[in-house]
């Protein structure tokens, strides 16, 4: 498992637990966005109460938007 995969898993777990803590769904719908620095990925999910919960993680190298889109399709389907 790559370091960025573990970082993603950790961020996704933090996000999911925060959503559950607020009474949201067990497997929330997650949006992933590459930040302007080309390394930080923001994960956002609705908490079921009209608010958003966020978590972030860093990729192991600078990434273009096109490469991130391919990575996102691989991870999120």
PDB file of N, CA and C in Angstrom:
ATOM      1  N   UNK A   1       0.846  -1.173   0.000  1.00  0.00           N
ATOM      2  CA  UNK A   1       0.000   0.000   0.000  1.00  0.00           C
ATOM      3  C   UNK A   1       0.895   1.241   0.000  1.00  0.00           C
ATOM      4  N   UNK A   2       0.592   2.189  -0.861  1.00  0.00           N
ATOM      5  CA  UNK A   2       1.363   3.426  -0.953  1.00  0.00           C
ATOM      6  C   UNK A   2       1.014   4.362   0.203  1.00  0.00           C
ATOM      7  N   UNK A   3       1.944   5.251   0.522  1.00  0.00           N
ATOM      8  CA  UNK A   3       1.729   6.225   1.590  1.00  0.00           C
ATOM      9  C   UNK A   3       0.488   7.059   1.299  1.00  0.00           C
ATOM     10  N   UNK A   4       0.303   7.490   0.047  1.00  0.00           N
ATOM     11  CA  UNK A   4      -0.866   8.318  -0.249  1.00  0.00           C
ATOM     12  C   UNK A   4      -2.155   7.526  -0.100  1.00  0.00           C
ATOM     13  N   UNK A   5      -2.122   6.209  -0.315  1.00  0.00           N
ATOM     14  CA  UNK A   5      -3.309   5.389  -0.101  1.00  0.00           C
ATOM     15  C   UNK A   5      -3.665   5.341   1.386  1.00  0.00           C
ATOM     16  N   UNK A   6      -2.638   5.231   2.232  1.00  0.00           N
ATOM     17  CA  UNK A   6      -2.884   5.234   3.675  1.00  0.00           C
ATOM     18  C   UNK A   6      -3.384   6.604   4.126  1.00  0.00           C
ATOM     19  N   UNK A   7      -2.838   7.661   3.545  1.00  0.00           N
ATOM     20  CA  UNK A   7      -3.286   9.010   3.886  1.00  0.00           C
ATOM     21  C   UNK A   7      -4.745   9.201   3.479  1.00  0.00           C
ATOM     22  N   UNK A   8      -5.117   8.695   2.286  1.00  0.00           N
ATOM     23  CA  UNK A   8      -6.504   8.763   1.847  1.00  0.00           C
ATOM     24  C   UNK A   8      -7.405   7.995   2.804  1.00  0.00           C
ATOM     25  N   UNK A   9      -7.002   6.766   3.164  1.00  0.00           N
ATOM     26  CA  UNK A   9      -7.820   5.939   4.048  1.00  0.00           C
ATOM     27  C   UNK A   9      -8.026   6.632   5.396  1.00  0.00           C
ATOM     28  N   UNK A  10      -6.978   7.236   5.910  1.00  0.00           N
ATOM     29  CA  UNK A  10      -7.069   7.946   7.186  1.00  0.00           C
ATOM     30  C   UNK A  10      -8.020   9.134   7.089  1.00  0.00           C
ATOM     31  N   UNK A  11      -7.881   9.930   6.038  1.00  0.00           N
ATOM     32  CA  UNK A  11      -8.752  11.095   5.855  1.00  0.00           C
ATOM     33  C   UNK A  11     -10.203  10.660   5.654  1.00  0.00           C
ATOM     34  N   UNK A  12     -10.406   9.597   4.877  1.00  0.00           N
ATOM     35  CA  UNK A  12     -11.766   9.119   4.630  1.00  0.00           C
ATOM     36  C   UNK A  12     -12.389   8.607   5.928  1.00  0.00           C
ATOM     37  N   UNK A  13     -11.598   7.930   6.750  1.00  0.00           N
ATOM     38  CA  UNK A  13     -12.130   7.435   8.023  1.00  0.00           C
ATOM     39  C   UNK A  13     -12.486   8.606   8.949  1.00  0.00           C
ATOM     40  N   UNK A  14     -11.613   9.616   9.032  1.00  0.00           N
ATOM     41  CA  UNK A  14     -11.922  10.793   9.857  1.00  0.00           C
ATOM     42  C   UNK A  14     -13.208  11.445   9.387  1.00  0.00           C
ATOM     43  N   UNK A  15     -13.344  11.580   8.065  1.00  0.00           N
ATOM     44  CA  UNK A  15     -14.535  12.200   7.487  1.00  0.00           C
ATOM     45  C   UNK A  15     -15.775  11.371   7.804  1.00  0.00           C
ATOM     46  N   UNK A  16     -15.704  10.075   7.582  1.00  0.00           N
ATOM     47  CA  UNK A  16     -16.849   9.194   7.822  1.00  0.00           C
ATOM     48  C   UNK A  16     -17.273   9.203   9.280  1.00  0.00           C
ATOM     49  N   UNK A  17     -16.294   9.168  10.191  1.00  0.00           N
ATOM     50  CA  UNK A  17     -16.623   9.189  11.619  1.00  0.00           C
ATOM     51  C   UNK A  17     -17.258  10.517  12.030  1.00  0.00           C
ATOM     52  N   UNK A  18     -16.785  11.610  11.461  1.00  0.00           N
ATOM     53  CA  UNK A  18     -17.380  12.913  11.769  1.00  0.00           C
ATOM     54  C   UNK A  18     -18.818  12.982  11.257  1.00  0.00           C
ATOM     55  N   UNK A  19     -19.067  12.427  10.068  1.00  0.00           N
ATOM     56  CA  UNK A  19     -20.430  12.402   9.522  1.00  0.00           C
ATOM     57  C   UNK A  19     -21.324  11.544  10.417  1.00  0.00           C
ATOM     58  N   UNK A  20     -20.835  10.364  10.803  1.00  0.00           N
ATOM     59  CA  UNK A  20     -21.616   9.485  11.685  1.00  0.00           C
ATOM     60  C   UNK A  20     -21.912  10.158  13.022  1.00  0.00           C
ATOM     61  N   UNK A  21     -20.921  10.860  13.561  1.00  0.00           N
ATOM     62  CA  UNK A  21     -21.078  11.549  14.837  1.00  0.00           C
ATOM     63  C   UNK A  21     -22.190  12.588  14.778  1.00  0.00           C
ATOM     64  N   UNK A  22     -22.422  13.141  13.609  1.00  0.00           N
ATOM     65  CA  UNK A  22     -23.470  14.153  13.416  1.00  0.00           C
ATOM     66  C   UNK A  22     -24.788  13.542  12.967  1.00  0.00           C
ATOM     67  N   UNK A  23     -24.842  12.210  12.933  1.00  0.00           N
ATOM     68  CA  UNK A  23     -26.089  11.545  12.571  1.00  0.00           C
ATOM     69  C   UNK A  23     -26.270  11.332  11.084  1.00  0.00           C
ATOM     70  N   UNK A  24     -25.226  11.500  10.308  1.00  0.00           N
ATOM     71  CA  UNK A  24     -25.306  11.330   8.856  1.00  0.00           C
ATOM     72  C   UNK A  24     -25.227   9.866   8.460  1.00  0.00           C
ATOM     73  N   UNK A  25     -25.227   9.590   7.153  1.00  0.00           N
ATOM     74  CA  UNK A  25     -25.206   8.214   6.659  1.00  0.00           C
ATOM     75  C   UNK A  25     -23.874   7.517   6.921  1.00  0.00           C
ATOM     76  N   UNK A  26     -23.924   6.184   7.020  1.00  0.00           N
ATOM     77  CA  UNK A  26     -22.729   5.371   7.286  1.00  0.00           C
ATOM     78  C   UNK A  26     -21.666   5.544   6.206  1.00  0.00           C
ATOM     79  N   UNK A  27     -22.056   5.483   4.944  1.00  0.00           N
ATOM     80  CA  UNK A  27     -21.127   5.704   3.834  1.00  0.00           C
ATOM     81  C   UNK A  27     -21.544   6.969   3.100  1.00  0.00           C
ATOM     82  N   UNK A  28     -20.988   8.106   3.505  1.00  0.00           N
ATOM     83  CA  UNK A  28     -21.413   9.368   2.897  1.00  0.00           C
ATOM     84  C   UNK A  28     -20.939   9.508   1.452  1.00  0.00           C
ATOM     85  N   UNK A  29     -21.630  10.342   0.713  1.00  0.00           N
ATOM     86  CA  UNK A  29     -21.188  10.720  -0.621  1.00  0.00           C
ATOM     87  C   UNK A  29     -20.040  11.706  -0.440  1.00  0.00           C
ATOM     88  N   UNK A  30     -18.900  11.391  -1.013  1.00  0.00           N
ATOM     89  CA  UNK A  30     -17.704  12.201  -0.794  1.00  0.00           C
ATOM     90  C   UNK A  30     -17.282  12.874  -2.092  1.00  0.00           C
ATOM     91  N   UNK A  31     -16.957  14.156  -1.981  1.00  0.00           N
ATOM     92  CA  UNK A  31     -16.390  14.898  -3.103  1.00  0.00           C
ATOM     93  C   UNK A  31     -14.910  15.115  -2.818  1.00  0.00           C
ATOM     94  N   UNK A  32     -14.075  14.862  -3.802  1.00  0.00           N
ATOM     95  CA  UNK A  32     -12.633  15.058  -3.663  1.00  0.00           C
ATOM     96  C   UNK A  32     -12.186  16.170  -4.601  1.00  0.00           C
ATOM     97  N   UNK A  33     -11.416  17.119  -4.061  1.00  0.00           N
ATOM     98  CA  UNK A  33     -10.961  18.264  -4.840  1.00  0.00           C
ATOM     99  C   UNK A  33      -9.464  18.461  -4.641  1.00  0.00           C
ATOM    100  N   UNK A  34      -8.732  18.588  -5.735  1.00  0.00           N
ATOM    101  CA  UNK A  34      -7.312  18.898  -5.665  1.00  0.00           C
ATOM    102  C   UNK A  34      -7.158  20.397  -5.411  1.00  0.00           C
ATOM    103  N   UNK A  35      -6.409  20.751  -4.374  1.00  0.00           N
ATOM    104  CA  UNK A  35      -6.193  22.163  -4.056  1.00  0.00           C
ATOM    105  C   UNK A  35      -5.147  22.769  -4.991  1.00  0.00           C
ATOM    106  N   UNK A  36      -5.039  24.088  -4.942  1.00  0.00           N
ATOM    107  CA  UNK A  36      -4.152  24.816  -5.851  1.00  0.00           C
ATOM    108  C   UNK A  36      -2.683  24.441  -5.699  1.00  0.00           C
ATOM    109  N   UNK A  37      -2.299  23.918  -4.540  1.00  0.00           N
ATOM    110  CA  UNK A  37      -0.886  23.564  -4.343  1.00  0.00           C
ATOM    111  C   UNK A  37      -0.491  22.301  -5.101  1.00  0.00           C
ATOM    112  N   UNK A  38      -1.481  21.576  -5.655  1.00  0.00           N
ATOM    113  CA  UNK A  38      -1.196  20.384  -6.444  1.00  0.00           C
ATOM    114  C   UNK A  38      -0.847  19.155  -5.620  1.00  0.00           C
ATOM    115  N   UNK A  39      -0.956  19.247  -4.302  1.00  0.00           N
ATOM    116  CA  UNK A  39      -0.641  18.119  -3.408  1.00  0.00           C
ATOM    117  C   UNK A  39      -1.758  17.815  -2.430  1.00  0.00           C
ATOM    118  N   UNK A  40      -2.439  18.846  -1.954  1.00  0.00           N
ATOM    119  CA  UNK A  40      -3.467  18.657  -0.938  1.00  0.00           C
ATOM    120  C   UNK A  40      -4.793  18.298  -1.591  1.00  0.00           C
ATOM    121  N   UNK A  41      -5.451  17.279  -1.047  1.00  0.00           N
ATOM    122  CA  UNK A  41      -6.767  16.863  -1.525  1.00  0.00           C
ATOM    123  C   UNK A  41      -7.766  17.106  -0.406  1.00  0.00           C
ATOM    124  N   UNK A  42      -8.826  17.838  -0.720  1.00  0.00           N
ATOM    125  CA  UNK A  42      -9.900  18.086   0.237  1.00  0.00           C
ATOM    126  C   UNK A  42     -11.021  17.090  -0.023  1.00  0.00           C
ATOM    127  N   UNK A  43     -11.478  16.438   1.030  1.00  0.00           N
ATOM    128  CA  UNK A  43     -12.638  15.560   0.964  1.00  0.00           C
ATOM    129  C   UNK A  43     -13.780  16.267   1.676  1.00  0.00           C
ATOM    130  N   UNK A  44     -14.921  16.334   1.043  1.00  0.00           N
ATOM    131  CA  UNK A  44     -16.103  16.971   1.610  1.00  0.00           C
ATOM    132  C   UNK A  44     -17.271  16.003   1.532  1.00  0.00           C
ATOM    133  N   UNK A  45     -18.077  15.979   2.599  1.00  0.00           N
ATOM    134  CA  UNK A  45     -19.257  15.116   2.605  1.00  0.00           C
ATOM    135  C   UNK A  45     -20.373  15.812   3.374  1.00  0.00           C
ATOM    136  N   UNK A  46     -21.624  15.672   2.911  1.00  0.00           N
ATOM    137  CA  UNK A  46     -22.745  16.242   3.660  1.00  0.00           C
ATOM    138  C   UNK A  46     -22.948  15.452   4.955  1.00  0.00           C
ATOM    139  N   UNK A  47     -23.320  16.166   6.030  1.00  0.00           N
ATOM    140  CA  UNK A  47     -23.487  15.487   7.316  1.00  0.00           C
ATOM    141  C   UNK A  47     -24.932  15.051   7.581  1.00  0.00           C
ATOM    142  N   UNK A  48     -25.830  15.288   6.613  1.00  0.00           N
ATOM    143  CA  UNK A  48     -27.225  14.912   6.785  1.00  0.00           C
ATOM    144  C   UNK A  48     -28.044  15.964   7.503  1.00  0.00           C
ATOM    145  N   UNK A  49     -27.410  17.057   7.912  1.00  0.00           N
ATOM    146  CA  UNK A  49     -28.103  18.135   8.622  1.00  0.00           C
ATOM    147  C   UNK A  49     -27.933  19.475   7.922  1.00  0.00           C
ATOM    148  N   UNK A  50     -27.569  19.424   6.650  1.00  0.00           N
ATOM    149  CA  UNK A  50     -27.424  20.653   5.882  1.00  0.00           C
ATOM    150  C   UNK A  50     -26.048  21.289   5.952  1.00  0.00           C
ATOM    151  N   UNK A  51     -25.081  20.611   6.543  1.00  0.00           N
ATOM    152  CA  UNK A  51     -23.725  21.130   6.648  1.00  0.00           C
ATOM    153  C   UNK A  51     -22.763  20.166   5.970  1.00  0.00           C
ATOM    154  N   UNK A  52     -21.523  20.615   5.805  1.00  0.00           N
ATOM    155  CA  UNK A  52     -20.495  19.784   5.192  1.00  0.00           C
ATOM    156  C   UNK A  52     -19.403  19.501   6.206  1.00  0.00           C
ATOM    157  N   UNK A  53     -18.853  18.302   6.137  1.00  0.00           N
ATOM    158  CA  UNK A  53     -17.711  17.894   6.949  1.00  0.00           C
ATOM    159  C   UNK A  53     -16.533  17.768   5.997  1.00  0.00           C
ATOM    160  N   UNK A  54     -15.352  18.210   6.428  1.00  0.00           N
ATOM    161  CA  UNK A  54     -14.187  18.151   5.550  1.00  0.00           C
ATOM    162  C   UNK A  54     -13.029  17.421   6.227  1.00  0.00           C
ATOM    163  N   UNK A  55     -12.194  16.868   5.407  1.00  0.00           N
ATOM    164  CA  UNK A  55     -10.925  16.269   5.830  1.00  0.00           C
ATOM    165  C   UNK A  55      -9.973  16.451   4.658  1.00  0.00           C
ATOM    166  N   UNK A  56      -8.695  16.365   4.919  1.00  0.00           N
ATOM    167  CA  UNK A  56      -7.737  16.530   3.828  1.00  0.00           C
ATOM    168  C   UNK A  56      -6.568  15.562   4.002  1.00  0.00           C
ATOM    169  N   UNK A  57      -5.868  15.347   2.912  1.00  0.00           N
ATOM    170  CA  UNK A  57      -4.636  14.569   2.934  1.00  0.00           C
ATOM    171  C   UNK A  57      -3.756  15.056   1.809  1.00  0.00           C
ATOM    172  N   UNK A  58      -2.478  14.664   1.859  1.00  0.00           N
ATOM    173  CA  UNK A  58      -1.539  15.105   0.837  1.00  0.00           C
ATOM    174  C   UNK A  58      -1.092  13.945  -0.030  1.00  0.00           C
ATOM    175  N   UNK A  59      -0.998  14.228  -1.330  1.00  0.00           N
ATOM    176  CA  UNK A  59      -0.441  13.266  -2.278  1.00  0.00           C
ATOM    177  C   UNK A  59       1.076  13.266  -2.113  1.00  0.00           C
ATOM    178  N   UNK A  60       1.716  12.196  -2.532  1.00  0.00           N
ATOM    179  CA  UNK A  60       3.161  12.088  -2.331  1.00  0.00           C
ATOM    180  C   UNK A  60       3.995  12.885  -3.331  1.00  0.00           C
ATOM    181  N   UNK A  61       3.349  13.492  -4.326  1.00  0.00           N
ATOM    182  CA  UNK A  61       4.074  14.324  -5.292  1.00  0.00           C
ATOM    183  C   UNK A  61       3.126  15.351  -5.886  1.00  0.00           C
ATOM    184  N   UNK A  62       3.706  16.398  -6.481  1.00  0.00           N
ATOM    185  CA  UNK A  62       2.882  17.386  -7.165  1.00  0.00           C
ATOM    186  C   UNK A  62       2.093  16.689  -8.264  1.00  0.00           C
ATOM    187  N   UNK A  63       0.850  17.073  -8.426  1.00  0.00           N
ATOM    188  CA  UNK A  63      -0.049  16.390  -9.347  1.00  0.00           C
ATOM    189  C   UNK A  63      -0.813  17.409 -10.177  1.00  0.00           C
ATOM    190  N   UNK A  64      -0.909  17.162 -11.475  1.00  0.00           N
ATOM    191  CA  UNK A  64      -1.705  18.034 -12.344  1.00  0.00           C
ATOM    192  C   UNK A  64      -3.183  17.688 -12.160  1.00  0.00           C
ATOM    193  N   UNK A  65      -4.036  18.588 -12.579  1.00  0.00           N
ATOM    194  CA  UNK A  65      -5.476  18.340 -12.474  1.00  0.00           C
ATOM    195  C   UNK A  65      -5.873  17.113 -13.295  1.00  0.00           C
ATOM    196  N   UNK A  66      -5.272  16.945 -14.472  1.00  0.00           N
ATOM    197  CA  UNK A  66      -5.595  15.793 -15.325  1.00  0.00           C
ATOM    198  C   UNK A  66      -5.192  14.479 -14.650  1.00  0.00           C
ATOM    199  N   UNK A  67      -4.001  14.451 -14.045  1.00  0.00           N
ATOM    200  CA  UNK A  67      -3.561  13.246 -13.342  1.00  0.00           C
ATOM    201  C   UNK A  67      -4.438  12.980 -12.117  1.00  0.00           C
ATOM    202  N   UNK A  68      -4.827  14.045 -11.427  1.00  0.00           N
ATOM    203  CA  UNK A  68      -5.697  13.874 -10.265  1.00  0.00           C
ATOM    204  C   UNK A  68      -7.055  13.322 -10.678  1.00  0.00           C
ATOM    205  N   UNK A  69      -7.591  13.824 -11.784  1.00  0.00           N
ATOM    206  CA  UNK A  69      -8.881  13.320 -12.262  1.00  0.00           C
ATOM    207  C   UNK A  69      -8.807  11.819 -12.554  1.00  0.00           C
ATOM    208  N   UNK A  70      -7.688  11.377 -13.141  1.00  0.00           N
ATOM    209  CA  UNK A  70      -7.503   9.944 -13.407  1.00  0.00           C
ATOM    210  C   UNK A  70      -7.396   9.172 -12.091  1.00  0.00           C
ATOM    211  N   UNK A  71      -6.655   9.705 -11.125  1.00  0.00           N
ATOM    212  CA  UNK A  71      -6.517   9.090  -9.806  1.00  0.00           C
ATOM    213  C   UNK A  71      -7.873   9.016  -9.107  1.00  0.00           C
ATOM    214  N   UNK A  72      -8.635  10.101  -9.180  1.00  0.00           N
ATOM    215  CA  UNK A  72      -9.958  10.150  -8.538  1.00  0.00           C
ATOM    216  C   UNK A  72     -10.895   9.106  -9.133  1.00  0.00           C
ATOM    217  N   UNK A  73     -10.858   8.928 -10.462  1.00  0.00           N
ATOM    218  CA  UNK A  73     -11.690   7.896 -11.080  1.00  0.00           C
ATOM    219  C   UNK A  73     -11.284   6.508 -10.610  1.00  0.00           C
ATOM    220  N   UNK A  74      -9.963   6.307 -10.437  1.00  0.00           N
ATOM    221  CA  UNK A  74      -9.465   5.009  -9.966  1.00  0.00           C
ATOM    222  C   UNK A  74      -9.915   4.728  -8.528  1.00  0.00           C
ATOM    223  N   UNK A  75      -9.824   5.741  -7.662  1.00  0.00           N
ATOM    224  CA  UNK A  75     -10.160   5.565  -6.253  1.00  0.00           C
ATOM    225  C   UNK A  75     -11.666   5.554  -6.020  1.00  0.00           C
ATOM    226  N   UNK A  76     -12.369   6.498  -6.619  1.00  0.00           N
ATOM    227  CA  UNK A  76     -13.797   6.662  -6.348  1.00  0.00           C
ATOM    228  C   UNK A  76     -14.705   5.987  -7.373  1.00  0.00           C
ATOM    229  N   UNK A  77     -14.117   5.515  -8.454  1.00  0.00           N
ATOM    230  CA  UNK A  77     -14.912   4.829  -9.467  1.00  0.00           C
ATOM    231  C   UNK A  77     -15.659   5.732 -10.404  1.00  0.00           C
TER     232      UNK A  77
END
